[in-house]
Protein backbone atom coordinates (compact mmCIF):
# COMPACT_ATOMS: atom_id res chain seq x y z
CA MET A 1 0.00 0.00 0.00
CA ASP A 2 2.83 2.38 0.78
CA ILE A 3 5.21 1.81 -2.12
CA ALA A 4 6.19 5.19 -3.52
CA ASN A 5 7.11 6.24 -7.05
CA LYS A 6 10.38 7.97 -7.95
CA ASN A 7 9.06 11.25 -6.54
CA GLY A 8 8.20 9.65 -3.23
CA CYS A 9 4.47 9.80 -3.90
CA THR A 10 2.39 6.93 -2.52
CA PRO A 11 -0.95 5.71 -3.92
CA ILE A 12 -2.91 7.32 -1.09
CA SER A 13 -1.18 10.63 -1.70
CA THR A 14 -2.14 10.53 -5.37
CA ALA A 15 -5.75 9.73 -4.48
CA ALA A 16 -5.78 12.58 -1.95
CA GLN A 17 -4.43 15.04 -4.51
CA LYS A 18 -7.11 14.05 -7.01
CA GLY A 19 -9.89 14.28 -4.43
CA HIS A 20 -10.88 10.60 -4.55
CA VAL A 21 -12.21 10.33 -1.02
CA GLU A 22 -13.58 6.78 -1.37
CA VAL A 23 -10.23 5.55 -2.62
CA VAL A 24 -8.47 7.31 0.25
CA ARG A 25 -10.89 5.69 2.69
CA GLU A 26 -10.28 2.25 1.18
CA PHE A 27 -6.52 2.67 1.46
CA LEU A 28 -6.82 3.76 5.09
CA ASN A 29 -9.12 0.85 5.93
CA ARG A 30 -6.56 -1.52 4.47
CA GLY A 31 -3.73 -0.14 6.55
CA ALA A 32 -2.11 2.44 4.29
CA ARG A 33 -0.19 5.14 6.09
CA GLY A 34 -1.62 8.63 5.70
CA ASP A 35 1.46 10.49 6.90
CA ILE A 36 4.17 9.53 4.38
CA ALA A 37 5.73 12.55 2.72
CA ASP A 38 7.09 12.69 -0.83
CA LYS A 39 10.50 14.08 -1.78
CA ASP A 40 9.21 17.64 -1.39
CA GLY A 41 7.84 16.90 2.07
CA CYS A 42 4.20 16.85 0.93
CA THR A 43 1.90 14.50 2.84
CA PRO A 44 -1.53 13.29 1.65
CA ILE A 45 -3.35 15.83 3.82
CA TYR A 46 -1.15 18.59 2.45
CA ALA A 47 -2.02 17.52 -1.11
CA ALA A 48 -5.73 17.45 -0.28
CA ALA A 49 -5.59 20.88 1.39
CA LEU A 50 -3.60 22.38 -1.49
CA PHE A 51 -6.27 21.39 -4.00
CA GLY A 52 -9.22 22.14 -1.72
CA HIS A 53 -10.56 18.61 -1.26
CA LEU A 54 -12.46 19.08 2.00
CA ASN A 55 -13.87 15.56 2.23
CA VAL A 56 -10.42 14.05 1.79
CA VAL A 57 -9.00 16.37 4.44
CA ARG A 58 -11.72 15.25 6.85
CA GLU A 59 -11.14 11.57 6.06
CA LEU A 60 -7.45 11.89 6.75
CA LEU A 61 -7.99 13.91 9.91
CA ASN A 62 -10.43 11.28 11.18
CA SER A 63 -7.71 8.68 10.69
CA GLY A 64 -5.41 10.61 12.99
CA VAL A 65 -2.83 12.17 10.66
CA GLY A 66 -0.92 15.21 11.84
CA LEU A 67 -2.35 18.68 11.22
CA ASP A 68 0.81 20.72 11.07
CA ILE A 69 3.40 18.71 9.13
CA ALA A 70 5.16 21.12 6.78
CA ASP A 71 6.75 20.49 3.40
CA LYS A 72 10.36 21.45 2.62
CA SER A 73 9.33 25.07 2.02
CA GLY A 74 7.72 25.22 5.45
CA TRP A 75 4.17 25.18 4.07
CA THR A 76 1.67 23.42 6.33
CA PRO A 77 -1.74 22.18 5.11
CA ILE A 78 -3.47 25.30 6.45
CA TYR A 79 -0.89 27.52 4.76
CA ALA A 80 -1.54 25.86 1.40
CA ALA A 81 -5.30 26.12 1.85
CA ALA A 82 -5.06 29.78 2.85
CA LEU A 83 -2.81 30.69 -0.07
CA PHE A 84 -5.18 29.13 -2.63
CA ARG A 85 -8.36 30.39 -0.94
CA HIS A 86 -9.89 27.11 0.12
CA LEU A 87 -11.94 28.69 2.90
CA ASP A 88 -13.82 25.56 3.89
CA VAL A 89 -10.55 23.65 4.28
CA VAL A 90 -9.03 26.49 6.30
CA ARG A 91 -12.07 26.50 8.58
CA GLU A 92 -11.99 22.73 9.02
CA LEU A 93 -8.30 22.73 9.91
CA LEU A 94 -8.75 25.59 12.37
CA ASN A 95 -11.67 23.85 14.03
CA ARG A 96 -9.51 20.74 14.38
CA GLY A 97 -6.77 22.70 16.10
CA ALA A 98 -4.31 23.46 13.33
CA ARG A 99 -1.66 26.01 14.24
CA PHE A 100 -1.79 29.23 12.25
CA ASP A 101 1.43 30.75 13.64
CA ILE A 102 3.87 28.39 11.93
CA VAL A 103 6.02 30.26 9.42
CA ASP A 104 7.56 29.04 6.19
CA LYS A 105 11.23 29.49 5.28
CA ASP A 106 10.59 33.14 4.38
CA GLY A 107 8.76 33.86 7.62
CA TRP A 108 5.29 33.86 6.04
CA THR A 109 2.30 32.76 8.10
CA PRO A 110 -0.99 31.53 6.60
CA THR A 111 -2.48 34.98 7.22
CA TYR A 112 0.38 36.70 5.42
CA ALA A 113 -0.09 34.34 2.47
CA ALA A 114 -3.82 35.05 2.29
CA THR A 115 -3.25 38.78 2.74
CA ILE A 116 -0.70 39.26 -0.01
CA ILE A 117 -3.02 37.49 -2.50
CA GLY A 118 -6.06 39.41 -1.22
CA HIS A 119 -8.22 36.58 0.13
CA LEU A 120 -10.41 38.63 2.47
CA ASP A 121 -12.65 35.77 3.61
CA VAL A 122 -9.66 33.63 4.58
CA VAL A 123 -8.07 36.54 6.43
CA GLN A 124 -11.32 37.09 8.35
CA GLU A 125 -11.50 33.41 9.31
CA LEU A 126 -7.94 33.44 10.62
CA LEU A 127 -8.53 36.68 12.51
CA ASN A 128 -11.66 35.21 14.09
CA HIS A 129 -9.46 32.48 15.52
CA GLY A 130 -7.16 34.98 17.17
CA PHE A 131 -4.34 35.50 14.72
CA ARG A 132 -2.15 38.49 15.63
CA VAL A 133 -2.06 40.94 12.75
CA ASN A 134 1.43 42.32 13.26
CA ILE A 135 3.61 39.21 12.90
CA ALA A 136 6.28 40.18 10.38
CA ASN A 137 8.16 38.00 7.91
CA LYS A 138 11.96 37.87 7.59
CA ASN A 139 12.01 41.19 5.73
CA GLY A 140 10.01 42.90 8.44
CA CYS A 141 6.80 43.00 6.39
CA THR A 142 3.54 42.57 8.26
CA PRO A 143 0.31 41.34 6.65
CA ILE A 144 -1.14 44.87 6.58
CA TYR A 145 1.98 46.20 4.87
CA ALA A 146 1.68 43.50 2.21
CA ALA A 147 -2.00 44.28 1.69
CA ALA A 148 -1.29 48.00 1.33
CA LYS A 149 1.50 47.37 -1.15
CA GLU A 150 -0.63 45.02 -3.26
CA ALA A 151 -3.70 47.33 -3.26
CA HIS A 152 -6.01 44.97 -1.37
CA VAL A 153 -7.99 47.77 0.21
CA GLU A 154 -10.67 45.56 1.76
CA VAL A 155 -8.01 43.48 3.48
CA VAL A 156 -6.28 46.66 4.64
CA ARG A 157 -9.59 47.86 6.08
CA GLU A 158 -10.17 44.55 7.88
CA LEU A 159 -6.70 44.57 9.41
CA LEU A 160 -6.99 48.21 10.42
CA ASN A 161 -10.20 47.36 12.24
CA CYS A 162 -8.13 44.92 14.29
CA ASP A 163 -5.21 47.30 14.82
CA ASP A 164 -5.64 50.90 13.74
CA ARG A 165 -2.05 52.06 14.35
CA MET A 166 -0.70 54.18 11.54
CA ASP A 167 2.98 53.72 12.36
CA ILE A 168 3.44 50.05 11.41
CA GLU A 169 6.74 49.87 9.57
CA THR A 170 9.08 47.46 7.88
CA GLU A 171 12.75 47.31 8.82
CA PHE A 172 13.27 49.97 6.12
CA VAL A 173 11.01 52.34 8.10
CA TRP A 174 8.47 52.67 5.28
CA LYS A 175 5.10 53.82 6.46
CA LEU A 176 2.01 52.02 5.27
CA ILE A 177 0.86 55.05 3.35
CA TYR A 178 4.32 55.44 1.85
CA ALA A 179 4.26 51.85 0.63
CA ALA A 180 0.85 52.38 -0.94
CA ALA A 181 1.85 55.72 -2.47
CA ILE A 182 4.99 54.49 -4.17
CA LYS A 183 3.01 51.65 -5.74
CA GLY A 184 0.24 53.98 -6.89
CA ARG A 185 -2.41 52.30 -4.73
CA VAL A 186 -4.88 55.19 -4.60
CA ASP A 187 -7.69 53.29 -2.85
CA VAL A 188 -5.35 52.23 -0.06
CA VAL A 189 -3.93 55.75 0.26
CA ARG A 190 -7.48 57.11 0.53
CA GLU A 191 -8.44 54.53 3.17
CA LEU A 192 -5.39 55.31 5.27
CA ALA A 193 -5.81 59.07 4.88
CA ASN A 194 -9.45 58.85 5.91
CA ARG A 195 -8.29 57.13 9.08
CA GLY A 196 -5.84 59.91 9.90
CA ALA A 197 -2.58 58.72 8.40
CA ARG A 198 -0.16 61.62 8.10
CA MET A 199 1.00 62.64 4.66
CA ASP A 200 4.10 64.54 5.78
CA ILE A 201 6.15 61.85 7.51
CA ALA A 202 9.34 61.10 5.58
CA ASN A 203 11.39 57.93 5.45
CA LYS A 204 15.11 57.77 6.23
CA VAL A 205 16.09 59.40 2.95
CA GLY A 206 13.58 62.20 3.33
CA TRP A 207 10.86 60.95 0.98
CA THR A 208 7.28 61.74 1.96
CA PRO A 209 4.37 59.71 0.55
CA ILE A 210 3.45 62.41 -1.99
CA TYR A 211 7.06 62.63 -3.12
CA ALA A 212 7.23 58.86 -3.48
CA ALA A 213 4.03 58.86 -5.53
CA ALA A 214 5.43 61.53 -7.84
CA ILE A 215 8.66 59.58 -8.31
CA ALA A 216 6.68 56.42 -9.06
CA VAL A 217 4.70 58.23 -11.76
CA THR A 218 7.92 59.55 -13.29
CA TRP A 219 9.41 56.06 -13.36
CA ARG A 220 6.36 54.69 -15.12
CA LEU A 221 6.47 57.47 -17.69
CA PHE A 222 10.08 56.68 -18.49
CA GLU A 223 9.28 52.95 -18.73
CA ASN A 224 6.58 53.70 -21.31
CA CYS A 225 8.83 55.89 -23.47
């Protein structure tokens, strides 16, 4: 039952990836192991979570497999589900006790992954389970900084409702509004300004948000020449 191919993938892992819950159940009933990882560190439950196969995730969880086993990149099943917006899988894993504070090799949490892609519903689910909004990755970027930079204004609004500080910075001392301005994220700039973010605070080299926005426009004009 547990003989793997050259990539380390077992039959139950393949069935889990494809969403074949009855096949997965049959393998488990016949003694197949549900926790064997392939060469990339991916387990059957990770494969099921990555592709959003809720019933397979439940079947594997009911058999007792681990919730938080990460692949070689540090991605756990809940991280994969959050990144690819499988909300029902995220909710199931959270309700079963999955940890949402485990970081990957770059320091990303599941919330950071969902935030940078703009998955508002997943972010809300994680926040409802108590995730702290200001956990930064290895570069000092917090989820709200990533959302501001990527123009996910609804995610920015949700995170601000959890923590309305305007002075959240990266290690480069870039203000949220500065990050949004230099990327031309007008909706995010407007949201932050409406909440009282100052427009006159400069970074270490003396750039204010409006200056950064002007420079960004100039760069884009030159790129289009």
